[in-house]
N, C-alpha and C. Protein backbone atom coordinates (compact mmCIF):
# COMPACT_ATOMS: atom_id res chain seq x y z
N MET A 1 -40.36 11.18 27.99
CA MET A 1 -39.71 10.93 29.26
C MET A 1 -39.56 12.29 29.95
N ASN A 2 -40.04 12.36 31.19
CA ASN A 2 -39.96 13.64 31.90
C ASN A 2 -38.58 13.82 32.54
N THR A 3 -38.35 14.99 33.06
CA THR A 3 -37.04 15.37 33.60
C THR A 3 -36.64 14.48 34.76
N GLU A 4 -37.59 14.13 35.58
CA GLU A 4 -37.29 13.29 36.75
C GLU A 4 -36.83 11.89 36.32
N ASN A 5 -37.49 11.32 35.33
CA ASN A 5 -37.10 10.00 34.82
C ASN A 5 -35.72 10.04 34.16
N LYS A 6 -35.42 11.13 33.44
CA LYS A 6 -34.12 11.28 32.81
C LYS A 6 -33.01 11.33 33.87
N LYS A 7 -33.27 12.09 34.94
CA LYS A 7 -32.29 12.19 36.02
C LYS A 7 -32.07 10.85 36.68
N LEU A 8 -33.14 10.10 36.90
CA LEU A 8 -33.03 8.78 37.50
C LEU A 8 -32.21 7.85 36.60
N LEU A 9 -32.45 7.92 35.30
CA LEU A 9 -31.71 7.09 34.35
C LEU A 9 -30.23 7.48 34.36
N LEU A 10 -29.93 8.77 34.38
CA LEU A 10 -28.54 9.22 34.41
C LEU A 10 -27.85 8.81 35.70
N ASP A 11 -28.58 8.76 36.78
CA ASP A 11 -28.01 8.32 38.05
C ASP A 11 -27.68 6.83 38.03
N LEU A 12 -28.40 6.05 37.25
CA LEU A 12 -28.18 4.62 37.20
C LEU A 12 -27.01 4.23 36.28
N ILE A 13 -26.81 5.00 35.19
CA ILE A 13 -25.74 4.71 34.25
C ILE A 13 -24.57 5.63 34.54
N THR A 14 -23.45 5.02 34.91
CA THR A 14 -22.27 5.81 35.24
C THR A 14 -21.32 5.86 34.05
N THR A 15 -20.35 6.73 34.16
CA THR A 15 -19.31 6.82 33.13
C THR A 15 -18.56 5.51 33.01
N ASP A 16 -18.31 4.87 34.13
CA ASP A 16 -17.64 3.57 34.10
C ASP A 16 -18.48 2.52 33.38
N ASP A 17 -19.78 2.58 33.57
CA ASP A 17 -20.67 1.65 32.86
C ASP A 17 -20.55 1.85 31.35
N LEU A 18 -20.51 3.10 30.93
CA LEU A 18 -20.40 3.40 29.51
C LEU A 18 -19.05 2.95 28.95
N ARG A 19 -17.99 3.14 29.72
CA ARG A 19 -16.66 2.69 29.29
C ARG A 19 -16.63 1.17 29.14
N GLN A 20 -17.22 0.48 30.10
CA GLN A 20 -17.25 -0.98 30.04
C GLN A 20 -18.08 -1.45 28.84
N PHE A 21 -19.19 -0.78 28.59
CA PHE A 21 -20.03 -1.12 27.43
C PHE A 21 -19.25 -0.90 26.14
N ARG A 22 -18.51 0.20 26.06
CA ARG A 22 -17.70 0.50 24.88
C ARG A 22 -16.66 -0.58 24.64
N LYS A 23 -15.95 -0.98 25.70
CA LYS A 23 -14.95 -2.04 25.58
C LYS A 23 -15.58 -3.34 25.09
N SER A 24 -16.70 -3.67 25.67
CA SER A 24 -17.39 -4.90 25.30
C SER A 24 -17.86 -4.85 23.84
N LEU A 25 -18.40 -3.73 23.43
CA LEU A 25 -18.88 -3.56 22.06
C LEU A 25 -17.74 -3.65 21.07
N LEU A 26 -16.62 -2.96 21.35
CA LEU A 26 -15.47 -3.02 20.46
C LEU A 26 -14.90 -4.43 20.37
N SER A 27 -14.88 -5.13 21.48
CA SER A 27 -14.40 -6.51 21.49
C SER A 27 -15.30 -7.40 20.63
N ASP A 28 -16.60 -7.21 20.75
CA ASP A 28 -17.54 -7.99 19.94
C ASP A 28 -17.38 -7.69 18.45
N ILE A 29 -17.21 -6.45 18.10
CA ILE A 29 -17.02 -6.07 16.70
C ILE A 29 -15.74 -6.67 16.15
N GLU A 30 -14.66 -6.59 16.93
CA GLU A 30 -13.38 -7.16 16.52
C GLU A 30 -13.50 -8.66 16.27
N GLN A 31 -14.21 -9.36 17.13
CA GLN A 31 -14.39 -10.81 16.98
C GLN A 31 -15.20 -11.12 15.72
N ILE A 32 -16.23 -10.37 15.46
CA ILE A 32 -17.05 -10.58 14.26
C ILE A 32 -16.21 -10.36 13.01
N LEU A 33 -15.40 -9.31 13.00
CA LEU A 33 -14.55 -9.04 11.84
C LEU A 33 -13.54 -10.15 11.62
N LYS A 34 -12.93 -10.65 12.69
CA LYS A 34 -11.95 -11.73 12.56
C LYS A 34 -12.58 -12.99 11.98
N GLU A 35 -13.82 -13.27 12.37
CA GLU A 35 -14.51 -14.47 11.91
C GLU A 35 -14.98 -14.35 10.47
N ASN A 36 -15.30 -13.15 10.02
CA ASN A 36 -15.94 -12.98 8.72
C ASN A 36 -15.04 -12.46 7.61
N ILE A 37 -13.86 -11.98 7.95
CA ILE A 37 -12.96 -11.45 6.92
C ILE A 37 -11.86 -12.47 6.68
N LYS A 38 -11.83 -12.98 5.47
CA LYS A 38 -10.81 -13.95 5.09
C LYS A 38 -9.76 -13.22 4.27
N PRO A 39 -8.51 -13.64 4.41
CA PRO A 39 -7.49 -12.99 3.60
C PRO A 39 -7.78 -13.19 2.12
N LYS A 40 -7.62 -12.13 1.38
CA LYS A 40 -7.88 -12.18 -0.05
C LYS A 40 -6.68 -12.81 -0.75
N THR A 41 -6.97 -13.80 -1.59
CA THR A 41 -5.89 -14.41 -2.34
C THR A 41 -5.76 -13.69 -3.68
N LYS A 42 -4.54 -13.57 -4.12
CA LYS A 42 -4.28 -12.90 -5.38
C LYS A 42 -4.74 -13.77 -6.54
N THR A 43 -5.36 -13.14 -7.53
CA THR A 43 -5.80 -13.85 -8.73
C THR A 43 -4.65 -14.04 -9.70
N TRP A 44 -3.85 -13.00 -9.87
CA TRP A 44 -2.75 -13.04 -10.83
C TRP A 44 -1.42 -13.12 -10.11
N LEU A 45 -0.63 -14.12 -10.47
CA LEU A 45 0.66 -14.34 -9.83
C LEU A 45 1.79 -14.05 -10.80
N LYS A 46 2.84 -13.43 -10.31
CA LYS A 46 4.05 -13.23 -11.10
C LYS A 46 4.81 -14.55 -11.15
N SER A 47 5.81 -14.62 -12.03
CA SER A 47 6.54 -15.87 -12.23
C SER A 47 7.11 -16.43 -10.92
N ASN A 48 7.72 -15.60 -10.11
CA ASN A 48 8.30 -16.09 -8.85
C ASN A 48 7.24 -16.68 -7.92
N GLU A 49 6.06 -16.08 -7.91
CA GLU A 49 4.98 -16.59 -7.07
C GLU A 49 4.46 -17.91 -7.62
N ALA A 50 4.33 -18.01 -8.95
CA ALA A 50 3.87 -19.25 -9.58
C ALA A 50 4.89 -20.37 -9.34
N LYS A 51 6.18 -20.04 -9.48
CA LYS A 51 7.23 -21.04 -9.24
C LYS A 51 7.17 -21.55 -7.80
N ALA A 52 6.98 -20.65 -6.86
CA ALA A 52 6.92 -21.04 -5.45
C ALA A 52 5.68 -21.90 -5.19
N LEU A 53 4.57 -21.53 -5.79
CA LEU A 53 3.33 -22.29 -5.60
C LEU A 53 3.47 -23.70 -6.16
N LEU A 54 4.06 -23.80 -7.34
CA LEU A 54 4.22 -25.11 -7.99
C LEU A 54 5.47 -25.85 -7.54
N GLU A 55 6.37 -25.13 -6.88
CA GLU A 55 7.66 -25.69 -6.45
C GLU A 55 8.43 -26.24 -7.65
N VAL A 56 8.57 -25.38 -8.68
CA VAL A 56 9.31 -25.75 -9.89
C VAL A 56 10.39 -24.71 -10.17
N SER A 57 11.29 -25.07 -11.09
CA SER A 57 12.39 -24.16 -11.45
C SER A 57 11.94 -23.20 -12.55
N ASN A 58 12.82 -22.23 -12.84
CA ASN A 58 12.56 -21.30 -13.95
C ASN A 58 12.35 -22.06 -15.25
N GLY A 59 13.21 -23.04 -15.51
CA GLY A 59 13.13 -23.80 -16.76
C GLY A 59 11.83 -24.58 -16.89
N THR A 60 11.40 -25.18 -15.81
CA THR A 60 10.14 -25.94 -15.84
C THR A 60 8.97 -25.01 -16.09
N LEU A 61 8.97 -23.86 -15.45
CA LEU A 61 7.88 -22.90 -15.66
C LEU A 61 7.87 -22.43 -17.11
N GLN A 62 9.05 -22.19 -17.65
CA GLN A 62 9.14 -21.78 -19.05
C GLN A 62 8.64 -22.89 -19.98
N ASN A 63 8.98 -24.14 -19.69
CA ASN A 63 8.49 -25.26 -20.48
C ASN A 63 6.97 -25.37 -20.43
N LEU A 64 6.39 -25.14 -19.27
CA LEU A 64 4.93 -25.17 -19.14
C LEU A 64 4.28 -24.09 -19.99
N ARG A 65 4.94 -22.93 -20.08
CA ARG A 65 4.45 -21.84 -20.95
C ARG A 65 4.62 -22.23 -22.41
N ASN A 66 5.83 -22.67 -22.77
CA ASN A 66 6.16 -22.93 -24.17
C ASN A 66 5.30 -24.03 -24.79
N ASN A 67 5.01 -25.08 -24.02
CA ASN A 67 4.23 -26.18 -24.60
C ASN A 67 2.72 -26.00 -24.43
N GLY A 68 2.31 -24.84 -23.90
CA GLY A 68 0.89 -24.53 -23.79
C GLY A 68 0.17 -25.18 -22.62
N THR A 69 0.94 -25.81 -21.74
CA THR A 69 0.32 -26.46 -20.58
C THR A 69 -0.24 -25.44 -19.60
N LEU A 70 0.45 -24.33 -19.45
CA LEU A 70 0.03 -23.31 -18.49
C LEU A 70 -0.14 -21.97 -19.21
N PRO A 71 -1.39 -21.51 -19.33
CA PRO A 71 -1.61 -20.20 -19.96
C PRO A 71 -0.98 -19.08 -19.14
N PHE A 72 -0.66 -17.99 -19.81
CA PHE A 72 -0.06 -16.85 -19.14
C PHE A 72 -0.45 -15.57 -19.87
N THR A 73 -0.21 -14.46 -19.21
CA THR A 73 -0.44 -13.15 -19.79
C THR A 73 0.83 -12.34 -19.60
N LYS A 74 1.23 -11.65 -20.64
CA LYS A 74 2.44 -10.83 -20.54
C LYS A 74 2.04 -9.37 -20.70
N VAL A 75 2.40 -8.58 -19.73
CA VAL A 75 2.14 -7.14 -19.75
C VAL A 75 3.49 -6.46 -19.60
N GLY A 76 3.87 -5.73 -20.64
CA GLY A 76 5.22 -5.16 -20.64
C GLY A 76 6.19 -6.33 -20.65
N GLY A 77 7.07 -6.36 -19.69
CA GLY A 77 8.01 -7.47 -19.59
C GLY A 77 7.67 -8.43 -18.47
N VAL A 78 6.49 -8.28 -17.88
CA VAL A 78 6.13 -9.10 -16.72
C VAL A 78 5.13 -10.17 -17.15
N ILE A 79 5.40 -11.40 -16.75
CA ILE A 79 4.51 -12.52 -17.06
C ILE A 79 3.66 -12.82 -15.83
N TYR A 80 2.35 -12.96 -16.08
CA TYR A 80 1.39 -13.25 -15.02
C TYR A 80 0.69 -14.58 -15.30
N TYR A 81 0.38 -15.31 -14.23
CA TYR A 81 -0.34 -16.57 -14.32
C TYR A 81 -1.60 -16.46 -13.47
N ASN A 82 -2.71 -16.92 -14.01
CA ASN A 82 -3.96 -16.91 -13.27
C ASN A 82 -3.97 -18.10 -12.30
N ARG A 83 -4.28 -17.83 -11.05
CA ARG A 83 -4.29 -18.88 -10.03
C ARG A 83 -5.25 -20.01 -10.41
N ASP A 84 -6.39 -19.67 -11.00
CA ASP A 84 -7.35 -20.70 -11.41
C ASP A 84 -6.78 -21.57 -12.53
N ASP A 85 -6.00 -20.98 -13.45
CA ASP A 85 -5.36 -21.76 -14.51
C ASP A 85 -4.36 -22.74 -13.94
N ILE A 86 -3.64 -22.34 -12.92
CA ILE A 86 -2.67 -23.23 -12.28
C ILE A 86 -3.42 -24.40 -11.63
N GLN A 87 -4.49 -24.09 -10.93
CA GLN A 87 -5.30 -25.13 -10.28
C GLN A 87 -5.86 -26.09 -11.33
N LYS A 88 -6.37 -25.55 -12.42
CA LYS A 88 -6.94 -26.36 -13.50
C LYS A 88 -5.86 -27.28 -14.09
N MET A 89 -4.67 -26.75 -14.34
CA MET A 89 -3.58 -27.55 -14.89
C MET A 89 -3.24 -28.71 -13.96
N LEU A 90 -3.19 -28.44 -12.68
CA LEU A 90 -2.87 -29.49 -11.72
C LEU A 90 -3.94 -30.58 -11.72
N LEU A 91 -5.19 -30.17 -11.76
CA LEU A 91 -6.28 -31.15 -11.76
C LEU A 91 -6.32 -31.97 -13.04
N GLU A 92 -6.06 -31.31 -14.17
CA GLU A 92 -6.08 -32.01 -15.46
C GLU A 92 -4.94 -33.02 -15.57
N ASN A 93 -3.86 -32.79 -14.88
CA ASN A 93 -2.70 -33.68 -14.96
C ASN A 93 -2.59 -34.61 -13.76
N LYS A 94 -3.65 -34.69 -12.99
CA LYS A 94 -3.67 -35.55 -11.81
C LYS A 94 -3.59 -37.02 -12.24
N GLN A 95 -2.73 -37.75 -11.59
CA GLN A 95 -2.53 -39.17 -11.90
C GLN A 95 -3.16 -40.04 -10.81
N SER A 96 -3.86 -41.05 -11.21
CA SER A 96 -4.42 -42.02 -10.27
C SER A 96 -3.64 -43.32 -10.38
N TYR A 97 -3.23 -43.84 -9.26
CA TYR A 97 -2.46 -45.10 -9.27
C TYR A 97 -3.23 -46.18 -8.57
């Protein structure tokens, strides 16, 4: 591209044009990210989170652990439940009427 063509191109594209293009591009990127990024769900839940998910009391959650209905992992003094194990337990105990 020769100097004259470059000057002609620069005369056609203004700073305002570039600003508008930038705004449009950022808006498009933001929309793509919103559509493609899903909130990550936690794999391991603490007791309070598992209780809230199942809508059960401390005693019921403990009974589910004690009778082997709901597997758990204990690290230090903290008990964790795998979200998939909770889902599996619910499906296995599903009642059809």
